[in-house]
C-alpha atoms as a PDB file:
ATOM      1  CA  MET A   1      70.552  59.673  50.280  1.00  0.00           C
ATOM      2  CA  VAL A   2      74.219  59.235  52.504  1.00  0.00           C
ATOM      3  CA  VAL A   3      75.439  62.608  54.030  1.00  0.00           C
ATOM      4  CA  TYR A   4      79.109  62.913  54.726  1.00  0.00           C
ATOM      5  CA  ALA A   5      79.954  64.535  57.464  1.00  0.00           C
ATOM      6  CA  ASP A   6      83.524  65.412  56.302  1.00  0.00           C
ATOM      7  CA  VAL A   7      81.554  67.241  53.443  1.00  0.00           C
ATOM      8  CA  LEU A   8      78.864  68.770  55.327  1.00  0.00           C
ATOM      9  CA  PHE A   9      81.546  70.160  57.525  1.00  0.00           C
ATOM     10  CA  LEU A  10      83.663  71.676  54.525  1.00  0.00           C
ATOM     11  CA  ILE A  11      80.439  72.907  52.562  1.00  0.00           C
ATOM     12  CA  ASN A  12      79.135  74.761  55.889  1.00  0.00           C
ATOM     13  CA  PHE A  13      82.757  76.278  56.604  1.00  0.00           C
ATOM     14  CA  ILE A  14      83.567  77.723  53.259  1.00  0.00           C
ATOM     15  CA  SER A  15      79.746  78.969  52.924  1.00  0.00           C
ATOM     16  CA  ALA A  16      79.614  80.656  56.569  1.00  0.00           C
ATOM     17  CA  TYR A  17      83.280  82.318  56.315  1.00  0.00           C
ATOM     18  CA  ALA A  18      82.400  83.834  52.683  1.00  0.00           C
ATOM     19  CA  LEU A  19      79.273  85.108  54.207  1.00  0.00           C
ATOM     20  CA  LEU A  20      80.499  86.640  57.192  1.00  0.00           C
ATOM     21  CA  TYR A  21      83.564  87.939  55.175  1.00  0.00           C
ATOM     22  CA  LEU A  22      80.557  89.453  52.719  1.00  0.00           C
ATOM     23  CA  LEU A  23      78.677  90.595  55.947  1.00  0.00           C
ATOM     24  CA  GLY A  24      82.061  92.358  57.262  1.00  0.00           C
ATOM     25  CA  LYS A  25      82.580  94.031  54.046  1.00  0.00           C
ATOM     26  CA  PHE A  26      79.514  95.266  52.895  1.00  0.00           C
ATOM     27  CA  ILE A  27      77.084  95.566  56.139  1.00  0.00           C
ATOM     28  CA  VAL A  28      79.172  95.519  59.445  1.00  0.00           C
ATOM     29  CA  LYS A  29      81.709  98.007  57.590  1.00  0.00           C
ATOM     30  CA  THR A  30      84.734  97.119  60.225  1.00  0.00           C
ATOM     31  CA  LYS A  31      87.981  95.620  60.299  1.00  0.00           C
ATOM     32  CA  LEU A  32      88.267  92.068  59.646  1.00  0.00           C
ATOM     33  CA  LYS A  33      89.698  89.887  62.162  1.00  0.00           C
ATOM     34  CA  LYS A  34      90.697  86.267  59.800  1.00  0.00           C
ATOM     35  CA  TRP A  35      91.266  84.598  62.960  1.00  0.00           C
ATOM     36  CA  ARG A  36      87.516  85.681  64.323  1.00  0.00           C
ATOM     37  CA  LEU A  37      85.746  84.619  61.029  1.00  0.00           C
ATOM     38  CA  LEU A  38      87.574  81.298  60.537  1.00  0.00           C
ATOM     39  CA  PHE A  39      86.774  80.317  64.075  1.00  0.00           C
ATOM     40  CA  ALA A  40      83.391  81.167  64.044  1.00  0.00           C
ATOM     41  CA  SER A  41      82.747  79.462  60.915  1.00  0.00           C
ATOM     42  CA  GLY A  42      84.181  76.749  62.154  1.00  0.00           C
ATOM     43  CA  LEU A  43      82.086  76.919  64.725  1.00  0.00           C
ATOM     44  CA  GLY A  44      79.022  77.023  62.487  1.00  0.00           C
ATOM     45  CA  ALA A  45      80.421  74.265  60.414  1.00  0.00           C
ATOM     46  CA  VAL A  46      80.326  71.620  63.527  1.00  0.00           C
ATOM     47  CA  ALA A  47      77.201  73.006  64.979  1.00  0.00           C
ATOM     48  CA  ALA A  48      75.707  72.169  60.692  1.00  0.00           C
ATOM     49  CA  VAL A  49      77.178  68.741  61.366  1.00  0.00           C
ATOM     50  CA  VAL A  50      75.364  68.345  65.023  1.00  0.00           C
ATOM     51  CA  GLN A  51      72.310  68.848  63.937  1.00  0.00           C
ATOM     52  CA  PHE A  52      71.941  66.923  60.743  1.00  0.00           C
ATOM     53  CA  SER A  53      73.322  63.907  63.206  1.00  0.00           C
ATOM     54  CA  LEU A  54      70.823  64.453  66.172  1.00  0.00           C
ATOM     55  CA  GLN A  55      67.043  63.040  65.998  1.00  0.00           C
ATOM     56  CA  SER A  56      65.331  66.152  67.776  1.00  0.00           C
ATOM     57  CA  ALA A  57      62.334  68.153  67.603  1.00  0.00           C
ATOM     58  CA  LEU A  58      61.799  70.616  65.090  1.00  0.00           C
ATOM     59  CA  PRO A  59      61.799  73.234  67.315  1.00  0.00           C
ATOM     60  CA  LEU A  60      65.251  72.592  69.279  1.00  0.00           C
ATOM     61  CA  GLU A  61      66.811  72.368  65.886  1.00  0.00           C
ATOM     62  CA  TYR A  62      65.565  75.749  64.868  1.00  0.00           C
ATOM     63  CA  LEU A  63      66.858  76.695  68.272  1.00  0.00           C
ATOM     64  CA  LEU A  64      70.333  75.264  67.581  1.00  0.00           C
ATOM     65  CA  ARG A  65      70.461  77.428  64.680  1.00  0.00           C
ATOM     66  CA  ILE A  66      69.161  80.557  65.669  1.00  0.00           C
ATOM     67  CA  SER A  67      71.898  80.083  68.518  1.00  0.00           C
ATOM     68  CA  THR A  68      74.681  79.052  66.592  1.00  0.00           C
ATOM     69  CA  ALA A  69      74.129  81.869  64.212  1.00  0.00           C
ATOM     70  CA  VAL A  70      74.069  84.557  67.246  1.00  0.00           C
ATOM     71  CA  ILE A  71      77.334  82.916  68.459  1.00  0.00           C
ATOM     72  CA  MET A  72      78.935  83.441  65.321  1.00  0.00           C
ATOM     73  CA  VAL A  73      77.928  86.922  64.549  1.00  0.00           C
ATOM     74  CA  PHE A  74      78.948  87.757  68.270  1.00  0.00           C
ATOM     75  CA  ILE A  75      82.507  86.226  67.682  1.00  0.00           C
ATOM     76  CA  ALA A  76      83.261  87.818  64.291  1.00  0.00           C
ATOM     77  CA  PHE A  77      81.969  91.097  64.912  1.00  0.00           C
ATOM     78  CA  TYR A  78      82.573  91.749  68.431  1.00  0.00           C
ATOM     79  CA  GLU A  79      83.211  95.366  68.392  1.00  0.00           C
ATOM     80  CA  GLN A  80      79.609  95.917  66.512  1.00  0.00           C
ATOM     81  CA  LYS A  81      77.539  93.972  69.200  1.00  0.00           C
ATOM     82  CA  ARG A  82      75.379  96.472  69.318  1.00  0.00           C
ATOM     83  CA  GLN A  83      73.879  95.868  66.057  1.00  0.00           C
ATOM     84  CA  ILE A  84      74.195  92.050  66.309  1.00  0.00           C
ATOM     85  CA  LEU A  85      70.169  91.815  65.683  1.00  0.00           C
ATOM     86  CA  THR A  86      70.773  93.193  62.705  1.00  0.00           C
ATOM     87  CA  HIS A  87      73.775  91.423  61.802  1.00  0.00           C
ATOM     88  CA  ILE A  88      72.167  88.281  62.744  1.00  0.00           C
ATOM     89  CA  ILE A  89      69.288  89.146  60.172  1.00  0.00           C
ATOM     90  CA  TRP A  90      71.530  90.023  57.451  1.00  0.00           C
ATOM     91  CA  LEU A  91      73.652  86.423  57.808  1.00  0.00           C
ATOM     92  CA  PHE A  92      70.167  84.442  57.322  1.00  0.00           C
ATOM     93  CA  ALA A  93      69.271  86.929  54.463  1.00  0.00           C
ATOM     94  CA  LEU A  94      72.517  86.113  52.755  1.00  0.00           C
ATOM     95  CA  SER A  95      72.529  82.269  53.712  1.00  0.00           C
ATOM     96  CA  ALA A  96      68.713  82.143  51.885  1.00  0.00           C
ATOM     97  CA  ILE A  97      69.935  84.412  49.100  1.00  0.00           C
ATOM     98  CA  LEU A  98      72.764  81.650  48.615  1.00  0.00           C
ATOM     99  CA  ILE A  99      71.157  78.549  48.802  1.00  0.00           C
ATOM    100  CA  ALA A 100      68.253  80.262  46.349  1.00  0.00           C
ATOM    101  CA  ALA A 101      71.223  81.224  43.713  1.00  0.00           C
ATOM    102  CA  MET A 102      72.531  77.737  44.009  1.00  0.00           C
ATOM    103  CA  ILE A 103      68.831  75.524  43.358  1.00  0.00           C
ATOM    104  CA  ALA A 104      68.526  78.404  40.472  1.00  0.00           C
ATOM    105  CA  ILE A 105      71.882  77.506  38.888  1.00  0.00           C
ATOM    106  CA  ALA A 106      71.503  73.814  39.268  1.00  0.00           C
ATOM    107  CA  LEU A 107      67.987  74.279  37.805  1.00  0.00           C
ATOM    108  CA  ILE A 108      68.691  76.497  34.578  1.00  0.00           C
ATOM    109  CA  SER A 109      71.593  74.251  33.859  1.00  0.00           C
ATOM    110  CA  GLY A 110      69.696  71.266  34.092  1.00  0.00           C
ATOM    111  CA  MET A 111      71.800  69.337  36.415  1.00  0.00           C
ATOM    112  CA  THR A 112      70.011  66.862  38.320  1.00  0.00           C
ATOM    113  CA  THR A 113      70.764  67.230  41.971  1.00  0.00           C
ATOM    114  CA  GLY A 114      69.096  66.225  45.378  1.00  0.00           C
ATOM    115  CA  ALA A 115      69.307  67.936  48.578  1.00  0.00           C
ATOM    116  CA  VAL A 116      68.347  67.595  51.940  1.00  0.00           C
ATOM    117  CA  PHE A 117      66.908  70.666  54.239  1.00  0.00           C
ATOM    118  CA  LYS A 118      67.038  70.519  57.851  1.00  0.00           C
ATOM    119  CA  ALA A 119      66.179  73.754  60.293  1.00  0.00           C
ATOM    120  CA  GLY A 120      67.990  76.181  57.286  1.00  0.00           C
ATOM    121  CA  VAL A 121      71.058  73.885  57.077  1.00  0.00           C
ATOM    122  CA  VAL A 122      71.436  72.745  53.574  1.00  0.00           C
ATOM    123  CA  TYR A 123      73.680  69.559  52.011  1.00  0.00           C
ATOM    124  CA  PHE A 124      73.698  69.612  48.378  1.00  0.00           C
ATOM    125  CA  ASP A 125      74.666  65.879  46.774  1.00  0.00           C
ATOM    126  CA  LEU A 126      76.537  66.691  43.763  1.00  0.00           C
ATOM    127  CA  PRO A 127      80.213  65.643  42.226  1.00  0.00           C
ATOM    128  CA  GLN A 128      82.918  67.977  43.449  1.00  0.00           C
ATOM    129  CA  LYS A 129      83.884  69.419  39.457  1.00  0.00           C
ATOM    130  CA  ILE A 130      80.289  70.460  39.420  1.00  0.00           C
ATOM    131  CA  PHE A 131      79.197  71.584  43.417  1.00  0.00           C
ATOM    132  CA  LEU A 132      82.494  74.294  43.520  1.00  0.00           C
ATOM    133  CA  PRO A 133      82.164  75.975  40.677  1.00  0.00           C
ATOM    134  CA  MET A 134      78.493  76.047  41.217  1.00  0.00           C
ATOM    135  CA  LEU A 135      79.574  77.528  44.581  1.00  0.00           C
ATOM    136  CA  VAL A 136      81.602  79.750  43.303  1.00  0.00           C
ATOM    137  CA  ILE A 137      78.866  81.609  40.966  1.00  0.00           C
ATOM    138  CA  SER A 138      76.464  81.474  44.071  1.00  0.00           C
ATOM    139  CA  PHE A 139      78.733  83.672  46.008  1.00  0.00           C
ATOM    140  CA  ALA A 140      79.440  85.998  43.142  1.00  0.00           C
ATOM    141  CA  ALA A 141      75.986  86.079  42.605  1.00  0.00           C
ATOM    142  CA  VAL A 142      75.486  86.931  46.380  1.00  0.00           C
ATOM    143  CA  THR A 143      78.310  89.754  45.805  1.00  0.00           C
ATOM    144  CA  ILE A 144      76.593  91.851  43.311  1.00  0.00           C
ATOM    145  CA  PHE A 145      73.404  91.775  45.686  1.00  0.00           C
ATOM    146  CA  MET A 146      75.714  93.144  48.132  1.00  0.00           C
ATOM    147  CA  LYS A 147      77.424  96.035  45.679  1.00  0.00           C
ATOM    148  CA  LEU A 148      73.894  96.977  44.836  1.00  0.00           C
ATOM    149  CA  VAL A 149      72.536  97.101  48.508  1.00  0.00           C
ATOM    150  CA  GLN A 150      75.638  99.000  49.297  1.00  0.00           C
ATOM    151  CA  LYS A 151      75.216 101.613  46.632  1.00  0.00           C
ATOM    152  CA  LYS A 152      71.243 102.144  47.717  1.00  0.00           C
ATOM    153  CA  ARG A 153      72.708 102.523  51.298  1.00  0.00           C
ATOM    154  CA  ILE A 154      74.949 105.504  50.391  1.00  0.00           C
ATOM    155  CA  LYS A 155      73.086 108.650  50.986  1.00  0.00           C
ATOM    156  CA  ARG A 156      73.965 112.220  50.240  1.00  0.00           C
ATOM    157  CA  LEU A 157      73.630 113.795  53.559  1.00  0.00           C
ATOM    158  CA  HIS A 158      73.736 111.882  57.711  1.00  0.00           C
ATOM    159  CA  ASN A 159      72.770 112.925  61.009  1.00  0.00           C
ATOM    160  CA  MET A 160      76.029 112.764  63.018  1.00  0.00           C
ATOM    161  CA  ILE A 161      76.850 112.739  66.617  1.00  0.00           C
ATOM    162  CA  VAL A 162      80.696 113.577  68.174  1.00  0.00           C
ATOM    163  CA  THR A 163      81.148 112.354  71.807  1.00  0.00           C
ATOM    164  CA  HIS A 164      84.338 113.692  72.931  1.00  0.00           C
ATOM    165  CA  ARG A 165      85.289 113.085  76.940  1.00  0.00           C
ATOM    166  CA  GLY A 166      81.397 113.423  77.985  1.00  0.00           C
ATOM    167  CA  LYS A 167      80.458 115.892  75.552  1.00  0.00           C
ATOM    168  CA  LYS A 168      78.184 115.665  72.456  1.00  0.00           C
ATOM    169  CA  ILE A 169      78.023 117.892  69.535  1.00  0.00           C
ATOM    170  CA  PHE A 170      75.023 116.964  66.239  1.00  0.00           C
ATOM    171  CA  VAL A 171      76.741 117.676  63.029  1.00  0.00           C
ATOM    172  CA  THR A 172      75.344 116.843  59.257  1.00  0.00           C
ATOM    173  CA  ALA A 173      77.881 115.176  57.378  1.00  0.00           C
ATOM    174  CA  LEU A 174      78.228 115.003  53.575  1.00  0.00           C
ATOM    175  CA  PHE A 175      79.435 111.843  52.481  1.00  0.00           C
ATOM    176  CA  ASP A 176      82.412 112.067  50.182  1.00  0.00           C
ATOM    177  CA  SER A 177      83.635 109.251  48.223  1.00  0.00           C
ATOM    178  CA  GLY A 178      86.509 111.273  47.037  1.00  0.00           C
ATOM    179  CA  ASN A 179      87.738 111.982  50.717  1.00  0.00           C
ATOM    180  CA  LEU A 180      90.415 109.199  51.538  1.00  0.00           C
ATOM    181  CA  LEU A 181      92.209 110.555  54.144  1.00  0.00           C
ATOM    182  CA  LYS A 182      94.140 108.527  56.404  1.00  0.00           C
ATOM    183  CA  GLU A 183      96.778 108.947  59.229  1.00  0.00           C
ATOM    184  CA  PRO A 184      99.638 107.331  58.073  1.00  0.00           C
ATOM    185  CA  ILE A 185     100.901 105.827  61.104  1.00  0.00           C
ATOM    186  CA  THR A 186      97.609 104.212  62.228  1.00  0.00           C
ATOM    187  CA  GLY A 187      95.726 103.817  59.222  1.00  0.00           C
ATOM    188  CA  ARG A 188      92.895 105.295  60.757  1.00  0.00           C
ATOM    189  CA  CYS A 189      90.272 107.256  58.373  1.00  0.00           C
ATOM    190  CA  VAL A 190      90.059 110.789  58.865  1.00  0.00           C
ATOM    191  CA  CYS A 191      86.476 112.515  58.962  1.00  0.00           C
ATOM    192  CA  LEU A 192      86.471 116.562  58.804  1.00  0.00           C
ATOM    193  CA  VAL A 193      84.307 118.300  60.851  1.00  0.00           C
ATOM    194  CA  GLU A 194      84.305 122.047  60.955  1.00  0.00           C
ATOM    195  CA  TRP A 195      85.932 124.014  63.982  1.00  0.00           C
ATOM    196  CA  ASP A 196      82.775 126.174  64.811  1.00  0.00           C
ATOM    197  CA  SER A 197      80.735 123.083  65.126  1.00  0.00           C
ATOM    198  CA  LEU A 198      83.693 121.318  67.322  1.00  0.00           C
ATOM    199  CA  ARG A 199      84.487 124.332  69.874  1.00  0.00           C
ATOM    200  CA  GLU A 200      81.778 123.038  72.125  1.00  0.00           C
ATOM    201  CA  LEU A 201      84.161 120.278  73.228  1.00  0.00           C
ATOM    202  CA  PHE A 202      87.062 121.716  74.274  1.00  0.00           C
ATOM    203  CA  ASP A 203      86.414 124.585  76.752  1.00  0.00           C
ATOM    204  CA  GLY A 204      88.933 127.174  76.826  1.00  0.00           C
ATOM    205  CA  CYS A 205      90.337 126.814  73.224  1.00  0.00           C
ATOM    206  CA  GLY A 206      88.881 129.491  71.317  1.00  0.00           C
ATOM    207  CA  SER A 207      90.830 128.903  67.748  1.00  0.00           C
ATOM    208  CA  VAL A 208      92.493 125.602  66.262  1.00  0.00           C
ATOM    209  CA  GLU A 209      95.665 127.467  67.429  1.00  0.00           C
ATOM    210  CA  ASP A 210      94.511 127.215  70.876  1.00  0.00           C
ATOM    211  CA  ILE A 211      93.804 123.533  70.530  1.00  0.00           C
ATOM    212  CA  ILE A 212      97.209 122.849  68.608  1.00  0.00           C
ATOM    213  CA  SER A 213      99.441 124.455  71.745  1.00  0.00           C
ATOM    214  CA  HIS A 214      97.470 121.684  73.334  1.00  0.00           C
ATOM    215  CA  THR A 215      98.435 119.067  71.186  1.00  0.00           C
ATOM    216  CA  GLU A 216      99.965 116.431  73.777  1.00  0.00           C
ATOM    217  CA  GLU A 217      97.260 117.211  76.084  1.00  0.00           C
ATOM    218  CA  ILE A 218      94.474 116.412  73.537  1.00  0.00           C
ATOM    219  CA  GLN A 219      96.607 113.419  71.917  1.00  0.00           C
ATOM    220  CA  LEU A 220      96.291 114.886  68.334  1.00  0.00           C
ATOM    221  CA  PHE A 221      97.282 114.018  65.304  1.00  0.00           C
ATOM    222  CA  ALA A 222      98.803 115.691  63.124  1.00  0.00           C
ATOM    223  CA  VAL A 223      97.716 114.640  59.298  1.00  0.00           C
ATOM    224  CA  PRO A 224      99.610 115.293  56.085  1.00  0.00           C
ATOM    225  CA  TYR A 225      97.384 115.904  52.880  1.00  0.00           C
ATOM    226  CA  ARG A 226      97.621 117.171  49.662  1.00  0.00           C
ATOM    227  CA  THR A 227      94.588 118.536  47.466  1.00  0.00           C
ATOM    228  CA  VAL A 228      94.661 120.287  43.770  1.00  0.00           C
ATOM    229  CA  GLY A 229      96.077 123.372  44.035  1.00  0.00           C
ATOM    230  CA  VAL A 230      98.014 123.424  47.453  1.00  0.00           C
ATOM    231  CA  GLN A 231     100.969 121.412  47.528  1.00  0.00           C
ATOM    232  CA  SER A 232     100.758 120.114  51.090  1.00  0.00           C
ATOM    233  CA  GLY A 233      99.244 120.525  54.537  1.00  0.00           C
ATOM    234  CA  ILE A 234      98.399 119.594  57.929  1.00  0.00           C
ATOM    235  CA  ILE A 235      94.867 118.783  59.348  1.00  0.00           C
ATOM    236  CA  TYR A 236      95.278 118.343  63.243  1.00  0.00           C
ATOM    237  CA  SER A 237      92.852 115.338  64.463  1.00  0.00           C
ATOM    238  CA  PHE A 238      91.691 113.668  67.353  1.00  0.00           C
ATOM    239  CA  LEU A 239      90.091 110.296  68.194  1.00  0.00           C
ATOM    240  CA  PRO A 240      86.732 110.913  69.511  1.00  0.00           C
ATOM    241  CA  ASP A 241      84.909 108.642  71.972  1.00  0.00           C
ATOM    242  CA  CYS A 242      82.088 108.081  70.106  1.00  0.00           C
ATOM    243  CA  LEU A 243      81.159 108.531  66.561  1.00  0.00           C
ATOM    244  CA  GLU A 244      77.491 107.791  65.521  1.00  0.00           C
ATOM    245  CA  LEU A 245      75.652 107.677  62.614  1.00  0.00           C
ATOM    246  CA  THR A 246      71.653 108.386  63.998  1.00  0.00           C
ATOM    247  CA  ALA A 247      69.529 107.119  61.354  1.00  0.00           C
ATOM    248  CA  GLU A 248      72.228 104.125  60.664  1.00  0.00           C
ATOM    249  CA  ASN A 249      71.777 103.350  64.054  1.00  0.00           C
ATOM    250  CA  ARG A 250      75.891 102.643  63.661  1.00  0.00           C
ATOM    251  CA  ILE A 251      78.724 103.389  65.607  1.00  0.00           C
ATOM    252  CA  ILE A 252      81.432 104.407  63.842  1.00  0.00           C
ATOM    253  CA  GLU A 253      85.058 103.209  65.628  1.00  0.00           C
ATOM    254  CA  ASN A 254      88.869 104.062  65.115  1.00  0.00           C
ATOM    255  CA  THR A 255      87.885 107.109  62.970  1.00  0.00           C
ATOM    256  CA  LEU A 256      89.925 110.348  63.434  1.00  0.00           C
ATOM    257  CA  ILE A 257      88.155 113.619  63.621  1.00  0.00           C
ATOM    258  CA  GLY A 258      89.981 116.355  61.480  1.00  0.00           C
ATOM    259  CA  ILE A 259      89.696 119.678  62.368  1.00  0.00           C
ATOM    260  CA  TYR A 260      88.967 121.934  59.488  1.00  0.00           C
ATOM    261  CA  ASP A 261      89.079 125.672  60.139  1.00  0.00           C
ATOM    262  CA  GLY A 262      86.786 126.976  57.773  1.00  0.00           C
ATOM    263  CA  LYS A 263      83.267 126.467  55.819  1.00  0.00           C
ATOM    264  CA  LEU A 264      82.724 122.909  54.085  1.00  0.00           C
ATOM    265  CA  SER A 265      79.388 124.129  52.436  1.00  0.00           C
ATOM    266  CA  LYS A 266      78.958 127.512  51.102  1.00  0.00           C
ATOM    267  CA  ARG A 267      75.280 126.964  51.754  1.00  0.00           C
ATOM    268  CA  ASN A 268      75.470 125.816  55.340  1.00  0.00           C
ATOM    269  CA  GLU A 269      73.705 122.644  53.778  1.00  0.00           C
ATOM    270  CA  TYR A 270      76.523 120.430  56.010  1.00  0.00           C
ATOM    271  CA  ASN A 271      79.393 120.989  58.617  1.00  0.00           C
ATOM    272  CA  ALA A 272      81.195 117.581  58.168  1.00  0.00           C
ATOM    273  CA  LEU A 273      82.841 115.475  55.475  1.00  0.00           C
ATOM    274  CA  MET A 274      82.446 111.745  55.520  1.00  0.00           C
ATOM    275  CA  ASN A 275      85.550 109.752  54.976  1.00  0.00           C
ATOM    276  CA  ALA A 276      84.380 107.152  51.758  1.00  0.00           C
ATOM    277  CA  GLU A 277      85.436 104.339  54.416  1.00  0.00           C
ATOM    278  CA  MET A 278      83.008 105.227  56.617  1.00  0.00           C
ATOM    279  CA  MET A 279      79.916 103.942  54.678  1.00  0.00           C
END
């Protein structure tokens, strides 16, 4: 079988971009930067072409494949580099699911196809009018799989650590799909935390009013909100140094902590409400 370098590059570029996009949207949960995805995908596609061109030992081919995946994930999701190993595993898993879906579609539809595998890189010998629809359907299948995984990952209560100016507090947060509160200028989502839990972070502030009187010093954001039965209101929020979900070993970035002056749970089951976009 003849392997065309331009076709191989295009297939791997499209596949890498789509897989990195799905990984970022459903697993990494960070703001995606298209230029990073494009650069990482281009690197992966070039590496695939080089890998097919080289006649090297199998261990070296797998080493090249793994090294390329590490660099791609590092480029695409630099802000989440602490979880790079998890993201790499997910990338390989999604790649395997995509290839399996394409092979399954080819077998079910009775299409005669040739495929070349080389250390995890695959090349399908199919006409363009057949290959592209098959690729779209396969990506749709992977997307559905990721949505199912996402629903399973979202549980009710989460242990969360809030770090601010060197101090830490531990809170129990309820995932609230209805909490879509955002700071209108920066677009950052807001996680609500009871003031009784937050007061340890602010020396000399015995109440929310004391916090408000130090707005510039603490760098507070005044976030407007609307709820049923209340025409409007303001939630004062701050940007923590670090926000971590301990069980998931995830760092949440660019999320504001809204200071809630009251009780969020009547039975004290939780003292924070997560934003829907945090998961």
